[in-house]
């Protein structure tokens, strides 16, 4: 018979190969298990949050989200878990949940917590929702927080400049257009009451008045 290939020659005989014994598997399974979670709810929530922080730093936002939600399920007063969820949703541009969880974190904050950063996230969410007036107000509150460092302060100021630019870019509605909209509403109610002659809009022609009457 031909000699076995060199790689096969290094394998043990088939009769010597066996599955590992239970006492050999147990240490491997124990090493693969996640670290045990403490017994009290609050300690357990902290442990879950720390695992979520590790997942977040590793870029696994799905795992981090699940761990932060689990932490809040055990301790609904965990401001940091709520704040960390707001960071995840801000990355996803889910501005409604960003605002909800950041606002909850601010409400649940303890002395020494990073309230300025959480307030900033509320402002970012409001910018995403195009609520510029409230965003500007929230950013001003964030600037007054002692935990806001130079980098975050610069980011807040950039956001305020972006708000000003966005407001300048908005198309302005003329006073005539505003009056016309009020007249349209009034004409609708007049038509419902049987009045066939609408009040004219600014710049209406006879043809436009006739066309309007077809639809009221």
C-alpha atoms as a PDB file:
ATOM      1  CA  UNK A   1       0.000   0.000   0.000  1.00  0.00           C
ATOM      2  CA  UNK A   2       1.251   3.510  -0.678  1.00  0.00           C
ATOM      3  CA  UNK A   3       2.584   5.486   2.260  1.00  0.00           C
ATOM      4  CA  UNK A   4       0.091   7.928   3.822  1.00  0.00           C
ATOM      5  CA  UNK A   5       0.452  11.618   3.034  1.00  0.00           C
ATOM      6  CA  UNK A   6       2.649  13.500   5.561  1.00  0.00           C
ATOM      7  CA  UNK A   7      -0.322  15.485   6.993  1.00  0.00           C
ATOM      8  CA  UNK A   8      -2.391  12.335   7.514  1.00  0.00           C
ATOM      9  CA  UNK A   9       0.549  10.522   9.014  1.00  0.00           C
ATOM     10  CA  UNK A  10       0.524  12.980  11.940  1.00  0.00           C
ATOM     11  CA  UNK A  11      -3.076  12.166  12.902  1.00  0.00           C
ATOM     12  CA  UNK A  12      -3.649   9.652  15.726  1.00  0.00           C
ATOM     13  CA  UNK A  13      -5.161   6.269  14.851  1.00  0.00           C
ATOM     14  CA  UNK A  14      -8.936   6.360  14.409  1.00  0.00           C
ATOM     15  CA  UNK A  15      -9.522   4.073  17.410  1.00  0.00           C
ATOM     16  CA  UNK A  16      -7.640   6.528  19.629  1.00  0.00           C
ATOM     17  CA  UNK A  17      -9.929   9.456  18.718  1.00  0.00           C
ATOM     18  CA  UNK A  18     -12.826   9.986  21.166  1.00  0.00           C
ATOM     19  CA  UNK A  19     -15.114  12.827  22.230  1.00  0.00           C
ATOM     20  CA  UNK A  20     -13.932  14.822  25.252  1.00  0.00           C
ATOM     21  CA  UNK A  21     -15.072  13.608  28.653  1.00  0.00           C
ATOM     22  CA  UNK A  22     -17.542  15.742  30.672  1.00  0.00           C
ATOM     23  CA  UNK A  23     -14.836  16.733  33.168  1.00  0.00           C
ATOM     24  CA  UNK A  24     -12.775  18.060  30.240  1.00  0.00           C
ATOM     25  CA  UNK A  25     -15.651  20.095  28.753  1.00  0.00           C
ATOM     26  CA  UNK A  26     -16.822  21.780  31.966  1.00  0.00           C
ATOM     27  CA  UNK A  27     -13.783  24.070  32.395  1.00  0.00           C
ATOM     28  CA  UNK A  28     -14.080  25.196  28.776  1.00  0.00           C
ATOM     29  CA  UNK A  29     -17.778  26.018  29.154  1.00  0.00           C
ATOM     30  CA  UNK A  30     -17.122  27.915  32.366  1.00  0.00           C
ATOM     31  CA  UNK A  31     -14.454  30.010  30.671  1.00  0.00           C
ATOM     32  CA  UNK A  32     -16.843  30.912  27.836  1.00  0.00           C
ATOM     33  CA  UNK A  33     -19.670  32.074  30.115  1.00  0.00           C
ATOM     34  CA  UNK A  34     -20.105  35.847  30.692  1.00  0.00           C
ATOM     35  CA  UNK A  35     -19.150  37.037  34.174  1.00  0.00           C
ATOM     36  CA  UNK A  36     -21.885  36.481  36.763  1.00  0.00           C
ATOM     37  CA  UNK A  37     -24.245  39.385  37.434  1.00  0.00           C
ATOM     38  CA  UNK A  38     -24.632  40.499  41.083  1.00  0.00           C
ATOM     39  CA  UNK A  39     -27.780  39.504  42.892  1.00  0.00           C
ATOM     40  CA  UNK A  40     -29.435  42.853  43.709  1.00  0.00           C
ATOM     41  CA  UNK A  41     -31.384  44.647  40.986  1.00  0.00           C
ATOM     42  CA  UNK A  42     -29.383  47.860  41.198  1.00  0.00           C
ATOM     43  CA  UNK A  43     -26.025  46.071  41.143  1.00  0.00           C
ATOM     44  CA  UNK A  44     -27.274  43.931  38.292  1.00  0.00           C
ATOM     45  CA  UNK A  45     -28.308  47.017  36.355  1.00  0.00           C
ATOM     46  CA  UNK A  46     -24.855  48.532  36.824  1.00  0.00           C
ATOM     47  CA  UNK A  47     -23.220  45.310  35.621  1.00  0.00           C
ATOM     48  CA  UNK A  48     -25.440  45.226  32.532  1.00  0.00           C
ATOM     49  CA  UNK A  49     -24.706  48.880  31.845  1.00  0.00           C
ATOM     50  CA  UNK A  50     -20.959  48.278  32.059  1.00  0.00           C
ATOM     51  CA  UNK A  51     -21.267  45.412  29.607  1.00  0.00           C
ATOM     52  CA  UNK A  52     -23.278  47.734  27.370  1.00  0.00           C
ATOM     53  CA  UNK A  53     -20.513  50.336  27.589  1.00  0.00           C
ATOM     54  CA  UNK A  54     -17.997  47.729  26.446  1.00  0.00           C
ATOM     55  CA  UNK A  55     -20.224  46.739  23.527  1.00  0.00           C
ATOM     56  CA  UNK A  56     -20.698  50.398  22.581  1.00  0.00           C
ATOM     57  CA  UNK A  57     -16.955  51.046  22.607  1.00  0.00           C
ATOM     58  CA  UNK A  58     -16.531  47.958  20.444  1.00  0.00           C
ATOM     59  CA  UNK A  59     -19.018  49.295  17.888  1.00  0.00           C
ATOM     60  CA  UNK A  60     -21.752  46.723  18.588  1.00  0.00           C
ATOM     61  CA  UNK A  61     -24.688  49.109  18.935  1.00  0.00           C
ATOM     62  CA  UNK A  62     -27.317  46.349  18.804  1.00  0.00           C
ATOM     63  CA  UNK A  63     -25.780  44.486  21.758  1.00  0.00           C
ATOM     64  CA  UNK A  64     -25.217  47.737  23.641  1.00  0.00           C
ATOM     65  CA  UNK A  65     -28.839  48.791  23.120  1.00  0.00           C
ATOM     66  CA  UNK A  66     -30.159  45.480  24.462  1.00  0.00           C
ATOM     67  CA  UNK A  67     -27.915  45.649  27.530  1.00  0.00           C
ATOM     68  CA  UNK A  68     -28.863  49.252  28.337  1.00  0.00           C
ATOM     69  CA  UNK A  69     -32.566  48.419  27.952  1.00  0.00           C
ATOM     70  CA  UNK A  70     -32.097  45.403  30.236  1.00  0.00           C
ATOM     71  CA  UNK A  71     -30.389  47.644  32.794  1.00  0.00           C
ATOM     72  CA  UNK A  72     -33.328  50.049  32.727  1.00  0.00           C
ATOM     73  CA  UNK A  73     -35.720  47.126  33.097  1.00  0.00           C
ATOM     74  CA  UNK A  74     -33.993  46.213  36.367  1.00  0.00           C
ATOM     75  CA  UNK A  75     -33.507  49.781  37.585  1.00  0.00           C
ATOM     76  CA  UNK A  76     -35.677  52.380  35.877  1.00  0.00           C
ATOM     77  CA  UNK A  77     -33.847  55.148  37.766  1.00  0.00           C
ATOM     78  CA  UNK A  78     -30.506  54.385  36.064  1.00  0.00           C
ATOM     79  CA  UNK A  79     -29.830  57.776  34.485  1.00  0.00           C
ATOM     80  CA  UNK A  80     -26.606  56.646  32.828  1.00  0.00           C
ATOM     81  CA  UNK A  81     -28.266  53.724  31.039  1.00  0.00           C
ATOM     82  CA  UNK A  82     -30.909  56.103  29.727  1.00  0.00           C
ATOM     83  CA  UNK A  83     -28.251  58.589  28.628  1.00  0.00           C
ATOM     84  CA  UNK A  84     -26.284  55.854  26.879  1.00  0.00           C
ATOM     85  CA  UNK A  85     -29.378  54.838  24.939  1.00  0.00           C
ATOM     86  CA  UNK A  86     -29.737  58.444  23.800  1.00  0.00           C
ATOM     87  CA  UNK A  87     -26.184  58.269  22.419  1.00  0.00           C
ATOM     88  CA  UNK A  88     -27.071  55.152  20.410  1.00  0.00           C
ATOM     89  CA  UNK A  89     -30.237  56.696  18.981  1.00  0.00           C
ATOM     90  CA  UNK A  90     -28.407  59.912  18.103  1.00  0.00           C
ATOM     91  CA  UNK A  91     -25.932  57.865  16.058  1.00  0.00           C
ATOM     92  CA  UNK A  92     -28.902  56.289  14.249  1.00  0.00           C
ATOM     93  CA  UNK A  93     -30.550  59.713  13.744  1.00  0.00           C
ATOM     94  CA  UNK A  94     -33.584  58.506  15.663  1.00  0.00           C
ATOM     95  CA  UNK A  95     -34.232  61.952  17.090  1.00  0.00           C
ATOM     96  CA  UNK A  96     -37.487  61.172  18.914  1.00  0.00           C
ATOM     97  CA  UNK A  97     -35.908  58.440  21.055  1.00  0.00           C
ATOM     98  CA  UNK A  98     -32.721  60.484  21.433  1.00  0.00           C
ATOM     99  CA  UNK A  99     -34.727  63.289  23.002  1.00  0.00           C
ATOM    100  CA  UNK A 100     -36.861  60.966  25.149  1.00  0.00           C
ATOM    101  CA  UNK A 101     -33.961  59.085  26.721  1.00  0.00           C
ATOM    102  CA  UNK A 102     -31.697  62.132  27.096  1.00  0.00           C
ATOM    103  CA  UNK A 103     -34.512  64.075  28.782  1.00  0.00           C
ATOM    104  CA  UNK A 104     -35.163  61.111  31.099  1.00  0.00           C
ATOM    105  CA  UNK A 105     -31.467  61.002  31.990  1.00  0.00           C
ATOM    106  CA  UNK A 106     -31.529  64.706  32.852  1.00  0.00           C
ATOM    107  CA  UNK A 107     -34.577  64.155  35.036  1.00  0.00           C
ATOM    108  CA  UNK A 108     -32.958  61.205  36.855  1.00  0.00           C
ATOM    109  CA  UNK A 109     -29.463  62.725  37.105  1.00  0.00           C
ATOM    110  CA  UNK A 110     -27.453  62.435  40.296  1.00  0.00           C
ATOM    111  CA  UNK A 111     -24.876  64.968  41.514  1.00  0.00           C
ATOM    112  CA  UNK A 112     -21.747  64.716  39.394  1.00  0.00           C
ATOM    113  CA  UNK A 113     -23.468  63.212  36.354  1.00  0.00           C
ATOM    114  CA  UNK A 114     -22.653  64.552  32.873  1.00  0.00           C
ATOM    115  CA  UNK A 115     -25.822  66.618  32.640  1.00  0.00           C
ATOM    116  CA  UNK A 116     -24.297  69.051  30.151  1.00  0.00           C
ATOM    117  CA  UNK A 117     -23.598  66.276  27.659  1.00  0.00           C
ATOM    118  CA  UNK A 118     -27.096  64.882  28.076  1.00  0.00           C
ATOM    119  CA  UNK A 119     -28.623  68.355  27.635  1.00  0.00           C
ATOM    120  CA  UNK A 120     -26.561  68.767  24.475  1.00  0.00           C
ATOM    121  CA  UNK A 121     -28.049  65.539  23.099  1.00  0.00           C
ATOM    122  CA  UNK A 122     -31.532  66.903  23.729  1.00  0.00           C
ATOM    123  CA  UNK A 123     -30.573  69.953  21.708  1.00  0.00           C
ATOM    124  CA  UNK A 124     -29.150  67.848  18.888  1.00  0.00           C
ATOM    125  CA  UNK A 125     -32.383  65.847  18.770  1.00  0.00           C
ATOM    126  CA  UNK A 126     -34.456  69.035  18.566  1.00  0.00           C
ATOM    127  CA  UNK A 127     -32.299  70.281  15.689  1.00  0.00           C
ATOM    128  CA  UNK A 128     -32.965  66.987  13.912  1.00  0.00           C
ATOM    129  CA  UNK A 129     -36.683  67.509  14.513  1.00  0.00           C
ATOM    130  CA  UNK A 130     -36.409  71.085  13.142  1.00  0.00           C
ATOM    131  CA  UNK A 131     -37.553  72.554  16.466  1.00  0.00           C
ATOM    132  CA  UNK A 132     -34.970  75.323  16.323  1.00  0.00           C
ATOM    133  CA  UNK A 133     -36.360  77.633  19.005  1.00  0.00           C
ATOM    134  CA  UNK A 134     -36.372  74.946  21.677  1.00  0.00           C
ATOM    135  CA  UNK A 135     -32.995  73.630  20.487  1.00  0.00           C
ATOM    136  CA  UNK A 136     -31.433  77.069  20.941  1.00  0.00           C
ATOM    137  CA  UNK A 137     -32.875  77.294  24.446  1.00  0.00           C
ATOM    138  CA  UNK A 138     -31.598  73.825  25.351  1.00  0.00           C
ATOM    139  CA  UNK A 139     -28.112  74.592  24.006  1.00  0.00           C
ATOM    140  CA  UNK A 140     -27.958  77.698  26.189  1.00  0.00           C
ATOM    141  CA  UNK A 141     -28.776  75.548  29.221  1.00  0.00           C
ATOM    142  CA  UNK A 142     -26.072  73.070  28.220  1.00  0.00           C
ATOM    143  CA  UNK A 143     -23.468  75.843  27.999  1.00  0.00           C
ATOM    144  CA  UNK A 144     -24.221  76.763  31.612  1.00  0.00           C
ATOM    145  CA  UNK A 145     -23.465  73.221  32.871  1.00  0.00           C
ATOM    146  CA  UNK A 146     -20.092  72.844  34.648  1.00  0.00           C
ATOM    147  CA  UNK A 147     -19.248  69.494  32.993  1.00  0.00           C
ATOM    148  CA  UNK A 148     -19.219  70.948  29.457  1.00  0.00           C
ATOM    149  CA  UNK A 149     -15.594  70.968  28.282  1.00  0.00           C
ATOM    150  CA  UNK A 150     -14.032  73.095  25.535  1.00  0.00           C
ATOM    151  CA  UNK A 151     -14.650  70.509  22.830  1.00  0.00           C
ATOM    152  CA  UNK A 152     -18.347  70.114  23.641  1.00  0.00           C
ATOM    153  CA  UNK A 153     -18.729  73.892  24.008  1.00  0.00           C
ATOM    154  CA  UNK A 154     -17.302  74.361  20.508  1.00  0.00           C
ATOM    155  CA  UNK A 155     -19.717  71.744  19.135  1.00  0.00           C
ATOM    156  CA  UNK A 156     -22.674  73.492  20.792  1.00  0.00           C
ATOM    157  CA  UNK A 157     -21.654  76.829  19.283  1.00  0.00           C
ATOM    158  CA  UNK A 158     -21.368  75.186  15.855  1.00  0.00           C
ATOM    159  CA  UNK A 159     -24.898  73.808  16.270  1.00  0.00           C
ATOM    160  CA  UNK A 160     -26.216  77.264  17.148  1.00  0.00           C
ATOM    161  CA  UNK A 161     -24.594  78.704  14.033  1.00  0.00           C
ATOM    162  CA  UNK A 162     -26.152  75.906  11.963  1.00  0.00           C
ATOM    163  CA  UNK A 163     -29.560  76.799  13.412  1.00  0.00           C
ATOM    164  CA  UNK A 164     -29.112  80.441  12.404  1.00  0.00           C
ATOM    165  CA  UNK A 165     -28.100  79.408   8.880  1.00  0.00           C
ATOM    166  CA  UNK A 166     -31.080  77.048   8.582  1.00  0.00           C
ATOM    167  CA  UNK A 167     -33.489  79.760   9.689  1.00  0.00           C
ATOM    168  CA  UNK A 168     -32.078  82.218   7.156  1.00  0.00           C
ATOM    169  CA  UNK A 169     -32.457  79.635   4.399  1.00  0.00           C
ATOM    170  CA  UNK A 170     -36.143  79.039   5.118  1.00  0.00           C
ATOM    171  CA  UNK A 171     -38.439  80.540   2.466  1.00  0.00           C
ATOM    172  CA  UNK A 172     -40.283  83.542   3.827  1.00  0.00           C
ATOM    173  CA  UNK A 173     -44.062  83.589   3.508  1.00  0.00           C
ATOM    174  CA  UNK A 174     -45.403  86.929   2.350  1.00  0.00           C
ATOM    175  CA  UNK A 175     -48.092  88.760   4.279  1.00  0.00           C
ATOM    176  CA  UNK A 176     -50.345  88.474   1.218  1.00  0.00           C
ATOM    177  CA  UNK A 177     -49.983  84.676   1.198  1.00  0.00           C
ATOM    178  CA  UNK A 178     -50.911  84.542   4.885  1.00  0.00           C
ATOM    179  CA  UNK A 179     -53.985  86.689   4.262  1.00  0.00           C
ATOM    180  CA  UNK A 180     -54.948  84.544   1.268  1.00  0.00           C
ATOM    181  CA  UNK A 181     -54.838  81.397   3.391  1.00  0.00           C
ATOM    182  CA  UNK A 182     -57.213  82.982   5.884  1.00  0.00           C
ATOM    183  CA  UNK A 183     -59.539  83.977   3.042  1.00  0.00           C
ATOM    184  CA  UNK A 184     -59.495  80.410   1.681  1.00  0.00           C
ATOM    185  CA  UNK A 185     -60.639  79.077   5.052  1.00  0.00           C
ATOM    186  CA  UNK A 186     -63.364  81.718   5.253  1.00  0.00           C
ATOM    187  CA  UNK A 187     -64.522  80.941   1.697  1.00  0.00           C
ATOM    188  CA  UNK A 188     -64.787  77.261   2.524  1.00  0.00           C
ATOM    189  CA  UNK A 189     -67.101  78.001   5.441  1.00  0.00           C
ATOM    190  CA  UNK A 190     -69.114  80.446   3.333  1.00  0.00           C
ATOM    191  CA  UNK A 191     -69.561  77.756   0.660  1.00  0.00           C
ATOM    192  CA  UNK A 192     -70.714  75.260   3.283  1.00  0.00           C
ATOM    193  CA  UNK A 193     -73.380  77.743   4.336  1.00  0.00           C
ATOM    194  CA  UNK A 194     -74.597  78.166   0.731  1.00  0.00           C
ATOM    195  CA  UNK A 195     -72.782  81.402  -0.113  1.00  0.00           C
ATOM    196  CA  UNK A 196     -71.712  81.014  -3.753  1.00  0.00           C
ATOM    197  CA  UNK A 197     -69.600  84.153  -4.101  1.00  0.00           C
ATOM    198  CA  UNK A 198     -66.176  83.760  -2.514  1.00  0.00           C
ATOM    199  CA  UNK A 199     -64.182  86.655  -1.203  1.00  0.00           C
ATOM    200  CA  UNK A 200     -61.366  87.390  -3.673  1.00  0.00           C
ATOM    201  CA  UNK A 201     -57.780  86.508  -3.009  1.00  0.00           C
ATOM    202  CA  UNK A 202     -54.967  88.901  -3.776  1.00  0.00           C
ATOM    203  CA  UNK A 203     -54.363  88.949  -7.538  1.00  0.00           C
ATOM    204  CA  UNK A 204     -57.319  86.749  -8.457  1.00  0.00           C
ATOM    205  CA  UNK A 205     -58.612  86.963 -12.014  1.00  0.00           C
ATOM    206  CA  UNK A 206     -62.212  86.300 -13.040  1.00  0.00           C
ATOM    207  CA  UNK A 207     -61.131  82.941 -14.482  1.00  0.00           C
ATOM    208  CA  UNK A 208     -59.461  81.958 -11.215  1.00  0.00           C
ATOM    209  CA  UNK A 209     -62.588  82.916  -9.284  1.00  0.00           C
ATOM    210  CA  UNK A 210     -64.684  80.723 -11.576  1.00  0.00           C
ATOM    211  CA  UNK A 211     -62.282  77.810 -11.220  1.00  0.00           C
ATOM    212  CA  UNK A 212     -62.366  78.139  -7.438  1.00  0.00           C
ATOM    213  CA  UNK A 213     -66.170  78.023  -7.418  1.00  0.00           C
ATOM    214  CA  UNK A 214     -66.068  74.603  -9.110  1.00  0.00           C
ATOM    215  CA  UNK A 215     -64.321  73.105  -6.109  1.00  0.00           C
ATOM    216  CA  UNK A 216     -65.990  74.715  -3.107  1.00  0.00           C
END
